[in-house]
Amino acid sequence: MFRVLKPAGKALIVDMRHDITDATIDSYVNQMGASRWNKLITSWTFKSMLRKRAYSPEQIKQLSIAGNFKNYRIDLNPMGFEWWLEK
């Protein structure tokens, strides 16, 4: 990403957090207003597939440093994060 950004270019990555709890996932899914079946499938997908592939806030920090970005910011929310990068 660093390579393709223009000088002073900015990037935003929005993703799920690796360190979220089952309770946080359940709360999020229950607020979706979906059918019971869709809630079950969505909850299972978050817990068994997506969370395993997500980064922790510490990993994001290390990637930011290793990527040579001039500035970075990580804004956490209960389900995920916004990762702001500036070249």
PDB file of N, CA and C in Angstrom:
ATOM      1  N   MET A   1       0.818  -1.178   0.000  1.00  0.00           N
ATOM      2  CA  MET A   1       0.000   0.000   0.000  1.00  0.00           C
ATOM      3  C   MET A   1       0.872   1.256   0.000  1.00  0.00           C
ATOM      4  N   PHE A   2       1.938   1.222   0.759  1.00  0.00           N
ATOM      5  CA  PHE A   2       2.832   2.371   0.824  1.00  0.00           C
ATOM      6  C   PHE A   2       3.355   2.719  -0.571  1.00  0.00           C
ATOM      7  N   ARG A   3       3.699   1.704  -1.321  1.00  0.00           N
ATOM      8  CA  ARG A   3       4.283   1.913  -2.644  1.00  0.00           C
ATOM      9  C   ARG A   3       3.327   2.621  -3.591  1.00  0.00           C
ATOM     10  N   VAL A   4       2.048   2.331  -3.546  1.00  0.00           N
ATOM     11  CA  VAL A   4       1.114   2.879  -4.521  1.00  0.00           C
ATOM     12  C   VAL A   4       0.491   4.213  -4.094  1.00  0.00           C
ATOM     13  N   LEU A   5       0.654   4.605  -2.843  1.00  0.00           N
ATOM     14  CA  LEU A   5       0.130   5.904  -2.415  1.00  0.00           C
ATOM     15  C   LEU A   5       1.008   7.032  -2.938  1.00  0.00           C
ATOM     16  N   LYS A   6       0.364   8.126  -3.339  1.00  0.00           N
ATOM     17  CA  LYS A   6       1.095   9.325  -3.732  1.00  0.00           C
ATOM     18  C   LYS A   6       1.746   9.924  -2.490  1.00  0.00           C
ATOM     19  N   PRO A   7       2.746  10.786  -2.654  1.00  0.00           N
ATOM     20  CA  PRO A   7       3.310  11.474  -1.487  1.00  0.00           C
ATOM     21  C   PRO A   7       2.189  12.190  -0.715  1.00  0.00           C
ATOM     22  N   ALA A   8       2.206  12.060   0.574  1.00  0.00           N
ATOM     23  CA  ALA A   8       1.175  12.599   1.472  1.00  0.00           C
ATOM     24  C   ALA A   8      -0.190  11.927   1.259  1.00  0.00           C
ATOM     25  N   GLY A   9      -0.208  10.808   0.526  1.00  0.00           N
ATOM     26  CA  GLY A   9      -1.448  10.079   0.296  1.00  0.00           C
ATOM     27  C   GLY A   9      -1.949   9.422   1.575  1.00  0.00           C
ATOM     28  N   LYS A  10      -3.248   9.195   1.610  1.00  0.00           N
ATOM     29  CA  LYS A  10      -3.874   8.597   2.799  1.00  0.00           C
ATOM     30  C   LYS A  10      -4.647   7.342   2.409  1.00  0.00           C
ATOM     31  N   ALA A  11      -4.730   6.431   3.359  1.00  0.00           N
ATOM     32  CA  ALA A  11      -5.483   5.194   3.153  1.00  0.00           C
ATOM     33  C   ALA A  11      -6.262   4.886   4.424  1.00  0.00           C
ATOM     34  N   LEU A  12      -7.379   4.220   4.247  1.00  0.00           N
ATOM     35  CA  LEU A  12      -8.212   3.791   5.370  1.00  0.00           C
ATOM     36  C   LEU A  12      -8.538   2.320   5.186  1.00  0.00           C
ATOM     37  N   ILE A  13      -8.307   1.548   6.234  1.00  0.00           N
ATOM     38  CA  ILE A  13      -8.674   0.134   6.252  1.00  0.00           C
ATOM     39  C   ILE A  13      -9.645  -0.062   7.410  1.00  0.00           C
ATOM     40  N   VAL A  14     -10.777  -0.665   7.135  1.00  0.00           N
ATOM     41  CA  VAL A  14     -11.776  -0.969   8.158  1.00  0.00           C
ATOM     42  C   VAL A  14     -11.881  -2.485   8.233  1.00  0.00           C
ATOM     43  N   ASP A  15     -11.688  -3.024   9.425  1.00  0.00           N
ATOM     44  CA  ASP A  15     -11.691  -4.483   9.554  1.00  0.00           C
ATOM     45  C   ASP A  15     -12.163  -4.882  10.945  1.00  0.00           C
ATOM     46  N   MET A  16     -12.340  -6.160  11.115  1.00  0.00           N
ATOM     47  CA  MET A  16     -12.754  -6.749  12.377  1.00  0.00           C
ATOM     48  C   MET A  16     -11.549  -6.943  13.296  1.00  0.00           C
ATOM     49  N   ARG A  17     -11.772  -6.872  14.579  1.00  0.00           N
ATOM     50  CA  ARG A  17     -10.707  -7.083  15.565  1.00  0.00           C
ATOM     51  C   ARG A  17     -10.561  -8.565  15.884  1.00  0.00           C
ATOM     52  N   HIS A  18      -9.325  -8.985  16.082  1.00  0.00           N
ATOM     53  CA  HIS A  18      -9.052 -10.377  16.453  1.00  0.00           C
ATOM     54  C   HIS A  18      -9.434 -10.648  17.913  1.00  0.00           C
ATOM     55  N   ASP A  19      -9.374  -9.629  18.739  1.00  0.00           N
ATOM     56  CA  ASP A  19      -9.563  -9.816  20.177  1.00  0.00           C
ATOM     57  C   ASP A  19     -11.002  -9.622  20.658  1.00  0.00           C
ATOM     58  N   ILE A  20     -11.985  -9.633  19.754  1.00  0.00           N
ATOM     59  CA  ILE A  20     -13.363  -9.472  20.200  1.00  0.00           C
ATOM     60  C   ILE A  20     -13.859 -10.757  20.855  1.00  0.00           C
ATOM     61  N   THR A  21     -14.778 -10.587  21.766  1.00  0.00           N
ATOM     62  CA  THR A  21     -15.317 -11.729  22.505  1.00  0.00           C
ATOM     63  C   THR A  21     -16.557 -12.283  21.813  1.00  0.00           C
ATOM     64  N   ASP A  22     -16.922 -13.498  22.175  1.00  0.00           N
ATOM     65  CA  ASP A  22     -18.165 -14.086  21.673  1.00  0.00           C
ATOM     66  C   ASP A  22     -19.358 -13.225  22.063  1.00  0.00           C
ATOM     67  N   ALA A  23     -19.338 -12.680  23.270  1.00  0.00           N
ATOM     68  CA  ALA A  23     -20.452 -11.836  23.735  1.00  0.00           C
ATOM     69  C   ALA A  23     -20.595 -10.583  22.877  1.00  0.00           C
ATOM     70  N   THR A  24     -19.484  -9.994  22.472  1.00  0.00           N
ATOM     71  CA  THR A  24     -19.537  -8.808  21.607  1.00  0.00           C
ATOM     72  C   THR A  24     -20.114  -9.166  20.248  1.00  0.00           C
ATOM     73  N   ILE A  25     -19.696 -10.290  19.715  1.00  0.00           N
ATOM     74  CA  ILE A  25     -20.238 -10.746  18.436  1.00  0.00           C
ATOM     75  C   ILE A  25     -21.733 -11.000  18.555  1.00  0.00           C
ATOM     76  N   ASP A  26     -22.139 -11.700  19.598  1.00  0.00           N
ATOM     77  CA  ASP A  26     -23.564 -12.002  19.790  1.00  0.00           C
ATOM     78  C   ASP A  26     -24.393 -10.726  19.902  1.00  0.00           C
ATOM     79  N   SER A  27     -23.901  -9.755  20.650  1.00  0.00           N
ATOM     80  CA  SER A  27     -24.612  -8.484  20.801  1.00  0.00           C
ATOM     81  C   SER A  27     -24.754  -7.773  19.460  1.00  0.00           C
ATOM     82  N   TYR A  28     -23.673  -7.732  18.695  1.00  0.00           N
ATOM     83  CA  TYR A  28     -23.693  -7.091  17.383  1.00  0.00           C
ATOM     84  C   TYR A  28     -24.695  -7.783  16.454  1.00  0.00           C
ATOM     85  N   VAL A  29     -24.635  -9.092  16.397  1.00  0.00           N
ATOM     86  CA  VAL A  29     -25.516  -9.856  15.512  1.00  0.00           C
ATOM     87  C   VAL A  29     -26.975  -9.700  15.929  1.00  0.00           C
ATOM     88  N   ASN A  30     -27.258  -9.688  17.229  1.00  0.00           N
ATOM     89  CA  ASN A  30     -28.633  -9.541  17.698  1.00  0.00           C
ATOM     90  C   ASN A  30     -29.226  -8.188  17.341  1.00  0.00           C
ATOM     91  N   GLN A  31     -28.393  -7.169  17.174  1.00  0.00           N
ATOM     92  CA  GLN A  31     -28.871  -5.832  16.815  1.00  0.00           C
ATOM     93  C   GLN A  31     -29.109  -5.663  15.317  1.00  0.00           C
ATOM     94  N   MET A  32     -28.771  -6.667  14.528  1.00  0.00           N
ATOM     95  CA  MET A  32     -28.889  -6.567  13.079  1.00  0.00           C
ATOM     96  C   MET A  32     -30.332  -6.617  12.586  1.00  0.00           C
ATOM     97  N   GLY A  33     -31.236  -7.146  13.370  1.00  0.00           N
ATOM     98  CA  GLY A  33     -32.624  -7.242  12.943  1.00  0.00           C
ATOM     99  C   GLY A  33     -32.875  -8.341  11.921  1.00  0.00           C
ATOM    100  N   ALA A  34     -31.996  -9.293  11.838  1.00  0.00           N
ATOM    101  CA  ALA A  34     -32.121 -10.397  10.880  1.00  0.00           C
ATOM    102  C   ALA A  34     -32.962 -11.525  11.483  1.00  0.00           C
ATOM    103  N   SER A  35     -33.315 -12.479  10.639  1.00  0.00           N
ATOM    104  CA  SER A  35     -34.059 -13.640  11.116  1.00  0.00           C
ATOM    105  C   SER A  35     -33.164 -14.479  12.022  1.00  0.00           C
ATOM    106  N   ARG A  36     -33.786 -15.362  12.762  1.00  0.00           N
ATOM    107  CA  ARG A  36     -33.024 -16.216  13.679  1.00  0.00           C
ATOM    108  C   ARG A  36     -31.970 -17.039  12.927  1.00  0.00           C
ATOM    109  N   TRP A  37     -32.367 -17.581  11.783  1.00  0.00           N
ATOM    110  CA  TRP A  37     -31.458 -18.379  10.978  1.00  0.00           C
ATOM    111  C   TRP A  37     -30.271 -17.540  10.504  1.00  0.00           C
ATOM    112  N   ASN A  38     -30.527 -16.329  10.001  1.00  0.00           N
ATOM    113  CA  ASN A  38     -29.447 -15.452   9.539  1.00  0.00           C
ATOM    114  C   ASN A  38     -28.522 -15.043  10.691  1.00  0.00           C
ATOM    115  N   LYS A  39     -29.090 -14.820  11.863  1.00  0.00           N
ATOM    116  CA  LYS A  39     -28.268 -14.489  13.028  1.00  0.00           C
ATOM    117  C   LYS A  39     -27.337 -15.645  13.376  1.00  0.00           C
ATOM    118  N   LEU A  40     -27.866 -16.853  13.320  1.00  0.00           N
ATOM    119  CA  LEU A  40     -27.065 -18.038  13.626  1.00  0.00           C
ATOM    120  C   LEU A  40     -25.905 -18.180  12.640  1.00  0.00           C
ATOM    121  N   ILE A  41     -26.184 -18.058  11.362  1.00  0.00           N
ATOM    122  CA  ILE A  41     -25.152 -18.185  10.331  1.00  0.00           C
ATOM    123  C   ILE A  41     -24.124 -17.060  10.456  1.00  0.00           C
ATOM    124  N   THR A  42     -24.591 -15.834  10.666  1.00  0.00           N
ATOM    125  CA  THR A  42     -23.686 -14.688  10.780  1.00  0.00           C
ATOM    126  C   THR A  42     -22.788 -14.826  12.002  1.00  0.00           C
ATOM    127  N   SER A  43     -23.358 -15.200  13.124  1.00  0.00           N
ATOM    128  CA  SER A  43     -22.583 -15.389  14.349  1.00  0.00           C
ATOM    129  C   SER A  43     -21.527 -16.478  14.156  1.00  0.00           C
ATOM    130  N   TRP A  44     -21.922 -17.578  13.568  1.00  0.00           N
ATOM    131  CA  TRP A  44     -20.982 -18.672  13.307  1.00  0.00           C
ATOM    132  C   TRP A  44     -19.850 -18.213  12.393  1.00  0.00           C
ATOM    133  N   THR A  45     -20.177 -17.451  11.350  1.00  0.00           N
ATOM    134  CA  THR A  45     -19.169 -16.959  10.405  1.00  0.00           C
ATOM    135  C   THR A  45     -18.153 -16.054  11.104  1.00  0.00           C
ATOM    136  N   PHE A  46     -18.644 -15.112  11.912  1.00  0.00           N
ATOM    137  CA  PHE A  46     -17.748 -14.228  12.656  1.00  0.00           C
ATOM    138  C   PHE A  46     -16.828 -15.021  13.587  1.00  0.00           C
ATOM    139  N   LYS A  47     -17.414 -15.932  14.340  1.00  0.00           N
ATOM    140  CA  LYS A  47     -16.654 -16.648  15.368  1.00  0.00           C
ATOM    141  C   LYS A  47     -15.699 -17.691  14.806  1.00  0.00           C
ATOM    142  N   SER A  48     -16.110 -18.419  13.800  1.00  0.00           N
ATOM    143  CA  SER A  48     -15.306 -19.547  13.347  1.00  0.00           C
ATOM    144  C   SER A  48     -14.422 -19.248  12.137  1.00  0.00           C
ATOM    145  N   MET A  49     -14.694 -18.146  11.428  1.00  0.00           N
ATOM    146  CA  MET A  49     -13.912 -17.871  10.235  1.00  0.00           C
ATOM    147  C   MET A  49     -13.255 -16.483  10.263  1.00  0.00           C
ATOM    148  N   LEU A  50     -14.048 -15.450  10.393  1.00  0.00           N
ATOM    149  CA  LEU A  50     -13.521 -14.087  10.245  1.00  0.00           C
ATOM    150  C   LEU A  50     -12.586 -13.666  11.377  1.00  0.00           C
ATOM    151  N   ARG A  51     -12.954 -13.977  12.603  1.00  0.00           N
ATOM    152  CA  ARG A  51     -12.123 -13.579  13.748  1.00  0.00           C
ATOM    153  C   ARG A  51     -10.721 -14.197  13.665  1.00  0.00           C
ATOM    154  N   LYS A  52     -10.633 -15.420  13.188  1.00  0.00           N
ATOM    155  CA  LYS A  52      -9.333 -16.101  13.088  1.00  0.00           C
ATOM    156  C   LYS A  52      -8.383 -15.393  12.127  1.00  0.00           C
ATOM    157  N   ARG A  53      -8.932 -14.703  11.136  1.00  0.00           N
ATOM    158  CA  ARG A  53      -8.118 -14.041  10.120  1.00  0.00           C
ATOM    159  C   ARG A  53      -7.888 -12.563  10.415  1.00  0.00           C
ATOM    160  N   ALA A  54      -8.493 -12.060  11.459  1.00  0.00           N
ATOM    161  CA  ALA A  54      -8.394 -10.631  11.795  1.00  0.00           C
ATOM    162  C   ALA A  54      -7.098 -10.344  12.548  1.00  0.00           C
ATOM    163  N   TYR A  55      -6.710  -9.076  12.530  1.00  0.00           N
ATOM    164  CA  TYR A  55      -5.514  -8.631  13.241  1.00  0.00           C
ATOM    165  C   TYR A  55      -5.870  -8.086  14.613  1.00  0.00           C
ATOM    166  N   SER A  56      -4.940  -8.185  15.529  1.00  0.00           N
ATOM    167  CA  SER A  56      -5.094  -7.545  16.840  1.00  0.00           C
ATOM    168  C   SER A  56      -4.613  -6.102  16.720  1.00  0.00           C
ATOM    169  N   PRO A  57      -5.012  -5.226  17.635  1.00  0.00           N
ATOM    170  CA  PRO A  57      -4.513  -3.842  17.600  1.00  0.00           C
ATOM    171  C   PRO A  57      -2.983  -3.774  17.639  1.00  0.00           C
ATOM    172  N   GLU A  58      -2.336  -4.649  18.375  1.00  0.00           N
ATOM    173  CA  GLU A  58      -0.870  -4.640  18.443  1.00  0.00           C
ATOM    174  C   GLU A  58      -0.261  -5.024  17.094  1.00  0.00           C
ATOM    175  N   GLN A  59      -0.857  -5.988  16.415  1.00  0.00           N
ATOM    176  CA  GLN A  59      -0.356  -6.367  15.095  1.00  0.00           C
ATOM    177  C   GLN A  59      -0.503  -5.214  14.097  1.00  0.00           C
ATOM    178  N   ILE A  60      -1.595  -4.491  14.194  1.00  0.00           N
ATOM    179  CA  ILE A  60      -1.817  -3.346  13.311  1.00  0.00           C
ATOM    180  C   ILE A  60      -0.745  -2.289  13.563  1.00  0.00           C
ATOM    181  N   LYS A  61      -0.448  -2.038  14.831  1.00  0.00           N
ATOM    182  CA  LYS A  61       0.591  -1.069  15.181  1.00  0.00           C
ATOM    183  C   LYS A  61       1.928  -1.489  14.571  1.00  0.00           C
ATOM    184  N   GLN A  62       2.289  -2.752  14.708  1.00  0.00           N
ATOM    185  CA  GLN A  62       3.550  -3.240  14.173  1.00  0.00           C
ATOM    186  C   GLN A  62       3.598  -3.145  12.639  1.00  0.00           C
ATOM    187  N   LEU A  63       2.490  -3.431  11.979  1.00  0.00           N
ATOM    188  CA  LEU A  63       2.432  -3.302  10.525  1.00  0.00           C
ATOM    189  C   LEU A  63       2.596  -1.850  10.095  1.00  0.00           C
ATOM    190  N   SER A  64       2.020  -0.937  10.862  1.00  0.00           N
ATOM    191  CA  SER A  64       2.144   0.490  10.559  1.00  0.00           C
ATOM    192  C   SER A  64       3.596   0.936  10.633  1.00  0.00           C
ATOM    193  N   ILE A  65       4.280   0.519  11.667  1.00  0.00           N
ATOM    194  CA  ILE A  65       5.685   0.884  11.855  1.00  0.00           C
ATOM    195  C   ILE A  65       6.546   0.259  10.756  1.00  0.00           C
ATOM    196  N   ALA A  66       6.329  -1.006  10.492  1.00  0.00           N
ATOM    197  CA  ALA A  66       7.114  -1.713   9.473  1.00  0.00           C
ATOM    198  C   ALA A  66       6.851  -1.166   8.071  1.00  0.00           C
ATOM    199  N   GLY A  67       5.679  -0.585   7.862  1.00  0.00           N
ATOM    200  CA  GLY A  67       5.311  -0.061   6.550  1.00  0.00           C
ATOM    201  C   GLY A  67       5.862   1.309   6.241  1.00  0.00           C
ATOM    202  N   ASN A  68       6.593   1.903   7.184  1.00  0.00           N
ATOM    203  CA  ASN A  68       7.228   3.210   6.981  1.00  0.00           C
ATOM    204  C   ASN A  68       6.250   4.361   6.767  1.00  0.00           C
ATOM    205  N   PHE A  69       5.055   4.245   7.273  1.00  0.00           N
ATOM    206  CA  PHE A  69       4.101   5.333   7.128  1.00  0.00           C
ATOM    207  C   PHE A  69       4.473   6.489   8.041  1.00  0.00           C
ATOM    208  N   LYS A  70       4.279   7.718   7.534  1.00  0.00           N
ATOM    209  CA  LYS A  70       4.622   8.917   8.290  1.00  0.00           C
ATOM    210  C   LYS A  70       3.727   9.033   9.531  1.00  0.00           C
ATOM    211  N   ASN A  71       2.459   8.817   9.335  1.00  0.00           N
ATOM    212  CA  ASN A  71       1.500   8.868  10.431  1.00  0.00           C
ATOM    213  C   ASN A  71       0.534   7.698  10.316  1.00  0.00           C
ATOM    214  N   TYR A  72       0.073   7.228  11.447  1.00  0.00           N
ATOM    215  CA  TYR A  72      -0.990   6.233  11.448  1.00  0.00           C
ATOM    216  C   TYR A  72      -1.833   6.433  12.703  1.00  0.00           C
ATOM    217  N   ARG A  73      -3.063   5.989  12.609  1.00  0.00           N
ATOM    218  CA  ARG A  73      -3.979   6.071  13.741  1.00  0.00           C
ATOM    219  C   ARG A  73      -4.879   4.846  13.700  1.00  0.00           C
ATOM    220  N   ILE A  74      -5.135   4.282  14.859  1.00  0.00           N
ATOM    221  CA  ILE A  74      -6.011   3.121  14.965  1.00  0.00           C
ATOM    222  C   ILE A  74      -7.162   3.497  15.880  1.00  0.00           C
ATOM    223  N   ASP A  75      -8.356   3.570  15.320  1.00  0.00           N
ATOM    224  CA  ASP A  75      -9.552   3.874  16.090  1.00  0.00           C
ATOM    225  C   ASP A  75     -10.313   2.572  16.326  1.00  0.00           C
ATOM    226  N   LEU A  76     -10.378   2.144  17.576  1.00  0.00           N
ATOM    227  CA  LEU A  76     -11.047   0.888  17.919  1.00  0.00           C
ATOM    228  C   LEU A  76     -12.516   1.119  18.191  1.00  0.00           C
ATOM    229  N   ASN A  77     -13.328   0.150  17.841  1.00  0.00           N
ATOM    230  CA  ASN A  77     -14.730   0.104  18.241  1.00  0.00           C
ATOM    231  C   ASN A  77     -14.997  -1.322  18.718  1.00  0.00           C
ATOM    232  N   PRO A  78     -16.158  -1.598  19.270  1.00  0.00           N
ATOM    233  CA  PRO A  78     -16.378  -2.935  19.849  1.00  0.00           C
ATOM    234  C   PRO A  78     -16.154  -4.107  18.884  1.00  0.00           C
ATOM    235  N   MET A  79     -16.497  -3.949  17.616  1.00  0.00           N
ATOM    236  CA  MET A  79     -16.355  -5.051  16.658  1.00  0.00           C
ATOM    237  C   MET A  79     -15.089  -4.988  15.817  1.00  0.00           C
ATOM    238  N   GLY A  80     -14.530  -3.825  15.646  1.00  0.00           N
ATOM    239  CA  GLY A  80     -13.412  -3.715  14.728  1.00  0.00           C
ATOM    240  C   GLY A  80     -12.579  -2.475  14.944  1.00  0.00           C
ATOM    241  N   PHE A  81     -12.023  -1.991  13.847  1.00  0.00           N
ATOM    242  CA  PHE A  81     -11.169  -0.814  13.919  1.00  0.00           C
ATOM    243  C   PHE A  81     -11.154  -0.096  12.579  1.00  0.00           C
ATOM    244  N   GLU A  82     -10.794   1.186  12.645  1.00  0.00           N
ATOM    245  CA  GLU A  82     -10.459   1.969  11.469  1.00  0.00           C
ATOM    246  C   GLU A  82      -8.967   2.248  11.569  1.00  0.00           C
ATOM    247  N   TRP A  83      -8.241   1.917  10.533  1.00  0.00           N
ATOM    248  CA  TRP A  83      -6.794   2.065  10.515  1.00  0.00           C
ATOM    249  C   TRP A  83      -6.454   3.113   9.474  1.00  0.00           C
ATOM    250  N   TRP A  84      -6.094   4.295   9.942  1.00  0.00           N
ATOM    251  CA  TRP A  84      -5.772   5.432   9.085  1.00  0.00           C
ATOM    252  C   TRP A  84      -4.275   5.477   8.867  1.00  0.00           C
ATOM    253  N   LEU A  85      -3.844   5.590   7.621  1.00  0.00           N
ATOM    254  CA  LEU A  85      -2.424   5.617   7.263  1.00  0.00           C
ATOM    255  C   LEU A  85      -2.138   6.837   6.392  1.00  0.00           C
ATOM    256  N   GLU A  86      -0.983   7.434   6.584  1.00  0.00           N
ATOM    257  CA  GLU A  86      -0.561   8.563   5.757  1.00  0.00           C
ATOM    258  C   GLU A  86       0.882   8.354   5.336  1.00  0.00           C
ATOM    259  N   LYS A  87       1.135   8.513   4.056  1.00  0.00           N
ATOM    260  CA  LYS A  87       2.482   8.345   3.523  1.00  0.00           C
ATOM    261  C   LYS A  87       3.326   9.568   3.816  1.00  0.00           C
TER     262      LYS A  87
END
